Amino acid sequence: MLKIDRSIMSSNDWATTESPWMKSIGYWVLAWTTDTIMHPYLNFRKVCVQWVPCQTTAEQHNTRLTLSFNHLQRYREEKYDFLSQIFTGSVK
């Protein structure tokens, strides 16, 4: 894992199937396998089309979870009024 991590961090083209680290471990690696390795073992997450190291703390993760839950609760109560506030930026 450490070899793969170093290779990923040192290369900008690792996301393509032609990258050196993909060739070194073989083309048989499927997307779900990559996800399985990248997140739990290397602590990377996908941003757009690239994997980047996760840098959120446990406190930040809990805050994000709380905010997401609050948004879901508001959506259940307010439905499309809540969504329109997000898109327009207006608050009642």
PDB file of N, CA and C in Angstrom:
ATOM      1  N   MET A   1       0.811  -1.192   0.000  1.00  0.00           N
ATOM      2  CA  MET A   1       0.000   0.000   0.000  1.00  0.00           C
ATOM      3  C   MET A   1       0.857   1.260   0.000  1.00  0.00           C
ATOM      4  N   LEU A   2       1.948   1.241   0.737  1.00  0.00           N
ATOM      5  CA  LEU A   2       2.806   2.415   0.814  1.00  0.00           C
ATOM      6  C   LEU A   2       3.393   2.752  -0.549  1.00  0.00           C
ATOM      7  N   LYS A   3       3.765   1.724  -1.320  1.00  0.00           N
ATOM      8  CA  LYS A   3       4.318   1.943  -2.663  1.00  0.00           C
ATOM      9  C   LYS A   3       3.281   2.616  -3.562  1.00  0.00           C
ATOM     10  N   ILE A   4       2.046   2.161  -3.494  1.00  0.00           N
ATOM     11  CA  ILE A   4       0.975   2.748  -4.301  1.00  0.00           C
ATOM     12  C   ILE A   4       0.718   4.183  -3.861  1.00  0.00           C
ATOM     13  N   ASP A   5       0.689   4.406  -2.552  1.00  0.00           N
ATOM     14  CA  ASP A   5       0.465   5.753  -2.030  1.00  0.00           C
ATOM     15  C   ASP A   5       1.546   6.714  -2.513  1.00  0.00           C
ATOM     16  N   ARG A   6       2.802   6.320  -2.434  1.00  0.00           N
ATOM     17  CA  ARG A   6       3.904   7.177  -2.904  1.00  0.00           C
ATOM     18  C   ARG A   6       3.776   7.459  -4.392  1.00  0.00           C
ATOM     19  N   SER A   7       3.434   6.430  -5.154  1.00  0.00           N
ATOM     20  CA  SER A   7       3.297   6.602  -6.600  1.00  0.00           C
ATOM     21  C   SER A   7       2.173   7.572  -6.933  1.00  0.00           C
ATOM     22  N   ILE A   8       1.074   7.460  -6.232  1.00  0.00           N
ATOM     23  CA  ILE A   8      -0.069   8.343  -6.463  1.00  0.00           C
ATOM     24  C   ILE A   8       0.297   9.781  -6.133  1.00  0.00           C
ATOM     25  N   MET A   9       0.942   9.979  -5.007  1.00  0.00           N
ATOM     26  CA  MET A   9       1.279  11.327  -4.572  1.00  0.00           C
ATOM     27  C   MET A   9       2.325  11.985  -5.471  1.00  0.00           C
ATOM     28  N   SER A  10       3.155  11.189  -6.134  1.00  0.00           N
ATOM     29  CA  SER A  10       4.217  11.762  -6.957  1.00  0.00           C
ATOM     30  C   SER A  10       3.823  11.932  -8.415  1.00  0.00           C
ATOM     31  N   SER A  11       2.652  11.455  -8.805  1.00  0.00           N
ATOM     32  CA  SER A  11       2.262  11.488 -10.210  1.00  0.00           C
ATOM     33  C   SER A  11       0.961  12.242 -10.389  1.00  0.00           C
ATOM     34  N   ASN A  12       0.894  13.062 -11.437  1.00  0.00           N
ATOM     35  CA  ASN A  12      -0.339  13.782 -11.740  1.00  0.00           C
ATOM     36  C   ASN A  12      -1.249  13.006 -12.668  1.00  0.00           C
ATOM     37  N   ASP A  13      -0.733  11.980 -13.322  1.00  0.00           N
ATOM     38  CA  ASP A  13      -1.528  11.253 -14.310  1.00  0.00           C
ATOM     39  C   ASP A  13      -2.006   9.898 -13.811  1.00  0.00           C
ATOM     40  N   TRP A  14      -1.994   9.681 -12.519  1.00  0.00           N
ATOM     41  CA  TRP A  14      -2.325   8.365 -11.985  1.00  0.00           C
ATOM     42  C   TRP A  14      -3.778   7.980 -12.160  1.00  0.00           C
ATOM     43  N   ALA A  15      -4.641   8.919 -12.458  1.00  0.00           N
ATOM     44  CA  ALA A  15      -6.070   8.623 -12.566  1.00  0.00           C
ATOM     45  C   ALA A  15      -6.419   7.899 -13.856  1.00  0.00           C
ATOM     46  N   THR A  16      -5.537   7.894 -14.820  1.00  0.00           N
ATOM     47  CA  THR A  16      -5.823   7.233 -16.089  1.00  0.00           C
ATOM     48  C   THR A  16      -5.329   5.803 -16.058  1.00  0.00           C
ATOM     49  N   THR A  17      -5.873   4.976 -16.936  1.00  0.00           N
ATOM     50  CA  THR A  17      -5.457   3.573 -16.982  1.00  0.00           C
ATOM     51  C   THR A  17      -4.063   3.419 -17.563  1.00  0.00           C
ATOM     52  N   GLU A  18      -3.512   4.479 -18.154  1.00  0.00           N
ATOM     53  CA  GLU A  18      -2.164   4.422 -18.714  1.00  0.00           C
ATOM     54  C   GLU A  18      -1.100   4.836 -17.702  1.00  0.00           C
ATOM     55  N   SER A  19      -1.475   5.173 -16.508  1.00  0.00           N
ATOM     56  CA  SER A  19      -0.507   5.650 -15.534  1.00  0.00           C
ATOM     57  C   SER A  19       0.420   4.518 -15.094  1.00  0.00           C
ATOM     58  N   PRO A  20       1.634   4.846 -14.659  1.00  0.00           N
ATOM     59  CA  PRO A  20       2.597   3.820 -14.266  1.00  0.00           C
ATOM     60  C   PRO A  20       2.120   2.942 -13.121  1.00  0.00           C
ATOM     61  N   TRP A  21       1.445   3.524 -12.146  1.00  0.00           N
ATOM     62  CA  TRP A  21       1.034   2.689 -11.018  1.00  0.00           C
ATOM     63  C   TRP A  21      -0.056   1.715 -11.409  1.00  0.00           C
ATOM     64  N   MET A  22      -0.938   2.094 -12.365  1.00  0.00           N
ATOM     65  CA  MET A  22      -1.952   1.150 -12.845  1.00  0.00           C
ATOM     66  C   MET A  22      -1.289  -0.002 -13.583  1.00  0.00           C
ATOM     67  N   LYS A  23      -0.264   0.297 -14.385  1.00  0.00           N
ATOM     68  CA  LYS A  23       0.445  -0.762 -15.102  1.00  0.00           C
ATOM     69  C   LYS A  23       1.150  -1.691 -14.125  1.00  0.00           C
ATOM     70  N   SER A  24       1.679  -1.141 -13.041  1.00  0.00           N
ATOM     71  CA  SER A  24       2.431  -1.967 -12.098  1.00  0.00           C
ATOM     72  C   SER A  24       1.533  -2.936 -11.332  1.00  0.00           C
ATOM     73  N   ILE A  25       0.281  -2.580 -11.101  1.00  0.00           N
ATOM     74  CA  ILE A  25      -0.596  -3.504 -10.374  1.00  0.00           C
ATOM     75  C   ILE A  25      -1.556  -4.231 -11.303  1.00  0.00           C
ATOM     76  N   GLY A  26      -1.583  -3.857 -12.577  1.00  0.00           N
ATOM     77  CA  GLY A  26      -2.381  -4.592 -13.546  1.00  0.00           C
ATOM     78  C   GLY A  26      -3.700  -3.927 -13.865  1.00  0.00           C
ATOM     79  N   TYR A  27      -4.166  -4.176 -15.086  1.00  0.00           N
ATOM     80  CA  TYR A  27      -5.425  -3.588 -15.553  1.00  0.00           C
ATOM     81  C   TYR A  27      -6.655  -4.260 -14.950  1.00  0.00           C
ATOM     82  N   TRP A  28      -6.479  -5.366 -14.258  1.00  0.00           N
ATOM     83  CA  TRP A  28      -7.623  -6.091 -13.710  1.00  0.00           C
ATOM     84  C   TRP A  28      -8.266  -5.364 -12.539  1.00  0.00           C
ATOM     85  N   VAL A  29      -7.641  -4.300 -12.048  1.00  0.00           N
ATOM     86  CA  VAL A  29      -8.200  -3.558 -10.919  1.00  0.00           C
ATOM     87  C   VAL A  29      -9.468  -2.848 -11.375  1.00  0.00           C
ATOM     88  N   LEU A  30     -10.564  -3.186 -10.773  1.00  0.00           N
ATOM     89  CA  LEU A  30     -11.850  -2.579 -11.113  1.00  0.00           C
ATOM     90  C   LEU A  30     -12.078  -1.315 -10.293  1.00  0.00           C
ATOM     91  N   ALA A  31     -13.038  -0.533 -10.731  1.00  0.00           N
ATOM     92  CA  ALA A  31     -13.323   0.734 -10.051  1.00  0.00           C
ATOM     93  C   ALA A  31     -13.679   0.515  -8.584  1.00  0.00           C
ATOM     94  N   TRP A  32     -14.492  -0.503  -8.299  1.00  0.00           N
ATOM     95  CA  TRP A  32     -14.882  -0.717  -6.901  1.00  0.00           C
ATOM     96  C   TRP A  32     -13.699  -1.145  -6.061  1.00  0.00           C
ATOM     97  N   THR A  33     -12.756  -1.855  -6.653  1.00  0.00           N
ATOM     98  CA  THR A  33     -11.558  -2.243  -5.918  1.00  0.00           C
ATOM     99  C   THR A  33     -10.728  -1.012  -5.598  1.00  0.00           C
ATOM    100  N   THR A  34     -10.613  -0.127  -6.573  1.00  0.00           N
ATOM    101  CA  THR A  34      -9.879   1.112  -6.350  1.00  0.00           C
ATOM    102  C   THR A  34     -10.534   1.909  -5.230  1.00  0.00           C
ATOM    103  N   ASP A  35     -11.856   2.012  -5.262  1.00  0.00           N
ATOM    104  CA  ASP A  35     -12.571   2.720  -4.197  1.00  0.00           C
ATOM    105  C   ASP A  35     -12.313   2.072  -2.843  1.00  0.00           C
ATOM    106  N   THR A  36     -12.297   0.741  -2.829  1.00  0.00           N
ATOM    107  CA  THR A  36     -12.099   0.004  -1.591  1.00  0.00           C
ATOM    108  C   THR A  36     -10.716   0.256  -1.010  1.00  0.00           C
ATOM    109  N   ILE A  37      -9.717   0.371  -1.871  1.00  0.00           N
ATOM    110  CA  ILE A  37      -8.352   0.613  -1.406  1.00  0.00           C
ATOM    111  C   ILE A  37      -8.136   2.082  -1.082  1.00  0.00           C
ATOM    112  N   MET A  38      -8.574   2.946  -1.985  1.00  0.00           N
ATOM    113  CA  MET A  38      -8.254   4.364  -1.877  1.00  0.00           C
ATOM    114  C   MET A  38      -8.837   5.002  -0.618  1.00  0.00           C
ATOM    115  N   HIS A  39     -10.069   4.702  -0.282  1.00  0.00           N
ATOM    116  CA  HIS A  39     -10.672   5.393   0.856  1.00  0.00           C
ATOM    117  C   HIS A  39     -10.249   4.808   2.204  1.00  0.00           C
ATOM    118  N   PRO A  40     -10.525   3.534   2.479  1.00  0.00           N
ATOM    119  CA  PRO A  40     -10.248   3.066   3.835  1.00  0.00           C
ATOM    120  C   PRO A  40      -8.764   2.910   4.172  1.00  0.00           C
ATOM    121  N   TYR A  41      -7.945   2.530   3.204  1.00  0.00           N
ATOM    122  CA  TYR A  41      -6.550   2.253   3.520  1.00  0.00           C
ATOM    123  C   TYR A  41      -5.625   3.443   3.286  1.00  0.00           C
ATOM    124  N   LEU A  42      -5.864   4.199   2.240  1.00  0.00           N
ATOM    125  CA  LEU A  42      -4.994   5.332   1.931  1.00  0.00           C
ATOM    126  C   LEU A  42      -5.585   6.657   2.386  1.00  0.00           C
ATOM    127  N   ASN A  43      -6.833   6.626   2.859  1.00  0.00           N
ATOM    128  CA  ASN A  43      -7.529   7.816   3.350  1.00  0.00           C
ATOM    129  C   ASN A  43      -7.641   8.895   2.270  1.00  0.00           C
ATOM    130  N   PHE A  44      -7.998   8.476   1.059  1.00  0.00           N
ATOM    131  CA  PHE A  44      -8.247   9.393  -0.042  1.00  0.00           C
ATOM    132  C   PHE A  44      -9.747   9.443  -0.283  1.00  0.00           C
ATOM    133  N   ARG A  45     -10.211  10.545  -0.825  1.00  0.00           N
ATOM    134  CA  ARG A  45     -11.599  10.626  -1.270  1.00  0.00           C
ATOM    135  C   ARG A  45     -11.601  11.228  -2.659  1.00  0.00           C
ATOM    136  N   LYS A  46     -12.666  11.004  -3.393  1.00  0.00           N
ATOM    137  CA  LYS A  46     -12.723  11.468  -4.766  1.00  0.00           C
ATOM    138  C   LYS A  46     -13.320  12.872  -4.820  1.00  0.00           C
ATOM    139  N   VAL A  47     -12.604  13.782  -5.449  1.00  0.00           N
ATOM    140  CA  VAL A  47     -13.066  15.144  -5.666  1.00  0.00           C
ATOM    141  C   VAL A  47     -13.073  15.338  -7.164  1.00  0.00           C
ATOM    142  N   CYS A  48     -14.248  15.598  -7.715  1.00  0.00           N
ATOM    143  CA  CYS A  48     -14.415  15.663  -9.172  1.00  0.00           C
ATOM    144  C   CYS A  48     -13.964  14.334  -9.753  1.00  0.00           C
ATOM    145  N   VAL A  49     -12.913  14.329 -10.540  1.00  0.00           N
ATOM    146  CA  VAL A  49     -12.446  13.076 -11.129  1.00  0.00           C
ATOM    147  C   VAL A  49     -11.110  12.643 -10.545  1.00  0.00           C
ATOM    148  N   GLN A  50     -10.662  13.277  -9.480  1.00  0.00           N
ATOM    149  CA  GLN A  50      -9.385  12.922  -8.874  1.00  0.00           C
ATOM    150  C   GLN A  50      -9.567  12.516  -7.423  1.00  0.00           C
ATOM    151  N   TRP A  51      -8.656  11.684  -6.955  1.00  0.00           N
ATOM    152  CA  TRP A  51      -8.624  11.306  -5.549  1.00  0.00           C
ATOM    153  C   TRP A  51      -7.676  12.247  -4.825  1.00  0.00           C
ATOM    154  N   VAL A  52      -8.087  12.730  -3.681  1.00  0.00           N
ATOM    155  CA  VAL A  52      -7.241  13.597  -2.865  1.00  0.00           C
ATOM    156  C   VAL A  52      -7.259  13.068  -1.433  1.00  0.00           C
ATOM    157  N   PRO A  53      -6.206  13.338  -0.664  1.00  0.00           N
ATOM    158  CA  PRO A  53      -6.193  12.871   0.723  1.00  0.00           C
ATOM    159  C   PRO A  53      -7.325  13.500   1.525  1.00  0.00           C
ATOM    160  N   CYS A  54      -7.971  12.690   2.352  1.00  0.00           N
ATOM    161  CA  CYS A  54      -8.998  13.225   3.254  1.00  0.00           C
ATOM    162  C   CYS A  54      -8.298  14.037   4.329  1.00  0.00           C
ATOM    163  N   GLN A  55      -8.755  15.237   4.535  1.00  0.00           N
ATOM    164  CA  GLN A  55      -8.123  16.082   5.533  1.00  0.00           C
ATOM    165  C   GLN A  55      -9.131  16.587   6.551  1.00  0.00           C
ATOM    166  N   THR A  56     -10.287  15.969   6.602  1.00  0.00           N
ATOM    167  CA  THR A  56     -11.277  16.401   7.574  1.00  0.00           C
ATOM    168  C   THR A  56     -11.029  15.696   8.901  1.00  0.00           C
ATOM    169  N   THR A  57     -11.203  16.439   9.956  1.00  0.00           N
ATOM    170  CA  THR A  57     -11.060  15.864  11.289  1.00  0.00           C
ATOM    171  C   THR A  57     -12.376  15.195  11.677  1.00  0.00           C
ATOM    172  N   ALA A  58     -12.350  14.461  12.771  1.00  0.00           N
ATOM    173  CA  ALA A  58     -13.571  13.817  13.256  1.00  0.00           C
ATOM    174  C   ALA A  58     -14.622  14.868  13.600  1.00  0.00           C
ATOM    175  N   GLU A  59     -14.183  15.984  14.160  1.00  0.00           N
ATOM    176  CA  GLU A  59     -15.117  17.061  14.507  1.00  0.00           C
ATOM    177  C   GLU A  59     -15.768  17.650  13.250  1.00  0.00           C
ATOM    178  N   GLN A  60     -14.973  17.869  12.199  1.00  0.00           N
ATOM    179  CA  GLN A  60     -15.515  18.387  10.943  1.00  0.00           C
ATOM    180  C   GLN A  60     -16.486  17.389  10.323  1.00  0.00           C
ATOM    181  N   HIS A  61     -16.155  16.115  10.404  1.00  0.00           N
ATOM    182  CA  HIS A  61     -17.037  15.077   9.870  1.00  0.00           C
ATOM    183  C   HIS A  61     -18.375  15.085  10.613  1.00  0.00           C
ATOM    184  N   ASN A  62     -18.321  15.179  11.932  1.00  0.00           N
ATOM    185  CA  ASN A  62     -19.553  15.212  12.727  1.00  0.00           C
ATOM    186  C   ASN A  62     -20.378  16.458  12.432  1.00  0.00           C
ATOM    187  N   THR A  63     -19.720  17.595  12.237  1.00  0.00           N
ATOM    188  CA  THR A  63     -20.428  18.828  11.882  1.00  0.00           C
ATOM    189  C   THR A  63     -21.118  18.673  10.544  1.00  0.00           C
ATOM    190  N   ARG A  64     -20.410  18.106   9.569  1.00  0.00           N
ATOM    191  CA  ARG A  64     -20.993  17.889   8.241  1.00  0.00           C
ATOM    192  C   ARG A  64     -22.191  16.942   8.326  1.00  0.00           C
ATOM    193  N   LEU A  65     -22.062  15.899   9.132  1.00  0.00           N
ATOM    194  CA  LEU A  65     -23.155  14.948   9.306  1.00  0.00           C
ATOM    195  C   LEU A  65     -24.368  15.619   9.940  1.00  0.00           C
ATOM    196  N   THR A  66     -24.138  16.437  10.957  1.00  0.00           N
ATOM    197  CA  THR A  66     -25.231  17.153  11.624  1.00  0.00           C
ATOM    198  C   THR A  66     -25.930  18.109  10.670  1.00  0.00           C
ATOM    199  N   LEU A  67     -25.143  18.875   9.906  1.00  0.00           N
ATOM    200  CA  LEU A  67     -25.735  19.813   8.949  1.00  0.00           C
ATOM    201  C   LEU A  67     -26.534  19.085   7.875  1.00  0.00           C
ATOM    202  N   SER A  68     -26.003  17.970   7.390  1.00  0.00           N
ATOM    203  CA  SER A  68     -26.724  17.193   6.376  1.00  0.00           C
ATOM    204  C   SER A  68     -28.044  16.674   6.929  1.00  0.00           C
ATOM    205  N   PHE A  69     -28.012  16.182   8.163  1.00  0.00           N
ATOM    206  CA  PHE A  69     -29.231  15.691   8.791  1.00  0.00           C
ATOM    207  C   PHE A  69     -30.245  16.822   8.956  1.00  0.00           C
ATOM    208  N   ASN A  70     -29.776  18.001   9.373  1.00  0.00           N
ATOM    209  CA  ASN A  70     -30.672  19.153   9.518  1.00  0.00           C
ATOM    210  C   ASN A  70     -31.300  19.543   8.187  1.00  0.00           C
ATOM    211  N   HIS A  71     -30.509  19.505   7.115  1.00  0.00           N
ATOM    212  CA  HIS A  71     -31.052  19.815   5.792  1.00  0.00           C
ATOM    213  C   HIS A  71     -32.112  18.800   5.378  1.00  0.00           C
ATOM    214  N   LEU A  72     -31.870  17.527   5.655  1.00  0.00           N
ATOM    215  CA  LEU A  72     -32.875  16.505   5.326  1.00  0.00           C
ATOM    216  C   LEU A  72     -34.159  16.718   6.115  1.00  0.00           C
ATOM    217  N   GLN A  73     -34.022  17.048   7.390  1.00  0.00           N
ATOM    218  CA  GLN A  73     -35.200  17.313   8.213  1.00  0.00           C
ATOM    219  C   GLN A  73     -35.987  18.501   7.667  1.00  0.00           C
ATOM    220  N   ARG A  74     -35.285  19.576   7.321  1.00  0.00           N
ATOM    221  CA  ARG A  74     -35.967  20.754   6.773  1.00  0.00           C
ATOM    222  C   ARG A  74     -36.643  20.427   5.457  1.00  0.00           C
ATOM    223  N   TYR A  75     -35.995  19.609   4.634  1.00  0.00           N
ATOM    224  CA  TYR A  75     -36.609  19.232   3.357  1.00  0.00           C
ATOM    225  C   TYR A  75     -37.888  18.434   3.594  1.00  0.00           C
ATOM    226  N   ARG A  76     -37.861  17.537   4.574  1.00  0.00           N
ATOM    227  CA  ARG A  76     -39.067  16.754   4.886  1.00  0.00           C
ATOM    228  C   ARG A  76     -40.215  17.663   5.323  1.00  0.00           C
ATOM    229  N   GLU A  77     -39.890  18.710   6.048  1.00  0.00           N
ATOM    230  CA  GLU A  77     -40.915  19.616   6.559  1.00  0.00           C
ATOM    231  C   GLU A  77     -41.356  20.651   5.527  1.00  0.00           C
ATOM    232  N   GLU A  78     -40.411  21.205   4.772  1.00  0.00           N
ATOM    233  CA  GLU A  78     -40.716  22.339   3.900  1.00  0.00           C
ATOM    234  C   GLU A  78     -40.782  22.000   2.416  1.00  0.00           C
ATOM    235  N   LYS A  79     -40.301  20.832   2.045  1.00  0.00           N
ATOM    236  CA  LYS A  79     -40.278  20.375   0.639  1.00  0.00           C
ATOM    237  C   LYS A  79     -39.656  21.404  -0.292  1.00  0.00           C
ATOM    238  N   TYR A  80     -40.395  21.810  -1.307  1.00  0.00           N
ATOM    239  CA  TYR A  80     -39.826  22.642  -2.366  1.00  0.00           C
ATOM    240  C   TYR A  80     -39.535  24.069  -1.923  1.00  0.00           C
ATOM    241  N   ASP A  81     -40.180  24.532  -0.866  1.00  0.00           N
ATOM    242  CA  ASP A  81     -39.844  25.855  -0.329  1.00  0.00           C
ATOM    243  C   ASP A  81     -38.391  25.879   0.144  1.00  0.00           C
ATOM    244  N   PHE A  82     -37.974  24.793   0.767  1.00  0.00           N
ATOM    245  CA  PHE A  82     -36.595  24.696   1.236  1.00  0.00           C
ATOM    246  C   PHE A  82     -35.624  24.680   0.059  1.00  0.00           C
ATOM    247  N   LEU A  83     -35.941  23.905  -0.974  1.00  0.00           N
ATOM    248  CA  LEU A  83     -35.070  23.834  -2.150  1.00  0.00           C
ATOM    249  C   LEU A  83     -34.981  25.175  -2.860  1.00  0.00           C
ATOM    250  N   SER A  84     -36.098  25.879  -2.967  1.00  0.00           N
ATOM    251  CA  SER A  84     -36.065  27.170  -3.653  1.00  0.00           C
ATOM    252  C   SER A  84     -35.204  28.175  -2.896  1.00  0.00           C
ATOM    253  N   GLN A  85     -35.155  28.078  -1.571  1.00  0.00           N
ATOM    254  CA  GLN A  85     -34.287  28.959  -0.790  1.00  0.00           C
ATOM    255  C   GLN A  85     -32.820  28.677  -1.082  1.00  0.00           C
ATOM    256  N   ILE A  86     -32.491  27.420  -1.287  1.00  0.00           N
ATOM    257  CA  ILE A  86     -31.107  27.064  -1.596  1.00  0.00           C
ATOM    258  C   ILE A  86     -30.717  27.606  -2.960  1.00  0.00           C
ATOM    259  N   PHE A  87     -31.579  27.425  -3.953  1.00  0.00           N
ATOM    260  CA  PHE A  87     -31.245  27.832  -5.313  1.00  0.00           C
ATOM    261  C   PHE A  87     -31.254  29.346  -5.500  1.00  0.00           C
ATOM    262  N   THR A  88     -32.178  30.024  -4.834  1.00  0.00           N
ATOM    263  CA  THR A  88     -32.273  31.477  -5.015  1.00  0.00           C
ATOM    264  C   THR A  88     -31.475  32.244  -3.975  1.00  0.00           C
ATOM    265  N   GLY A  89     -31.182  31.602  -2.863  1.00  0.00           N
ATOM    266  CA  GLY A  89     -30.452  32.272  -1.799  1.00  0.00           C
ATOM    267  C   GLY A  89     -31.330  33.153  -0.938  1.00  0.00           C
ATOM    268  N   SER A  90     -32.648  33.098  -1.145  1.00  0.00           N
ATOM    269  CA  SER A  90     -33.552  33.929  -0.349  1.00  0.00           C
ATOM    270  C   SER A  90     -33.979  33.192   0.907  1.00  0.00           C
ATOM    271  N   VAL A  91     -34.211  33.932   1.946  1.00  0.00           N
ATOM    272  CA  VAL A  91     -34.663  33.371   3.212  1.00  0.00           C
ATOM    273  C   VAL A  91     -35.953  34.058   3.591  1.00  0.00           C
ATOM    274  N   LYS A  92     -36.914  33.270   4.033  1.00  0.00           N
ATOM    275  CA  LYS A  92     -38.209  33.841   4.426  1.00  0.00           C
ATOM    276  C   LYS A  92     -38.140  34.437   5.800  1.00  0.00           C
TER     277      LYS A  92
END
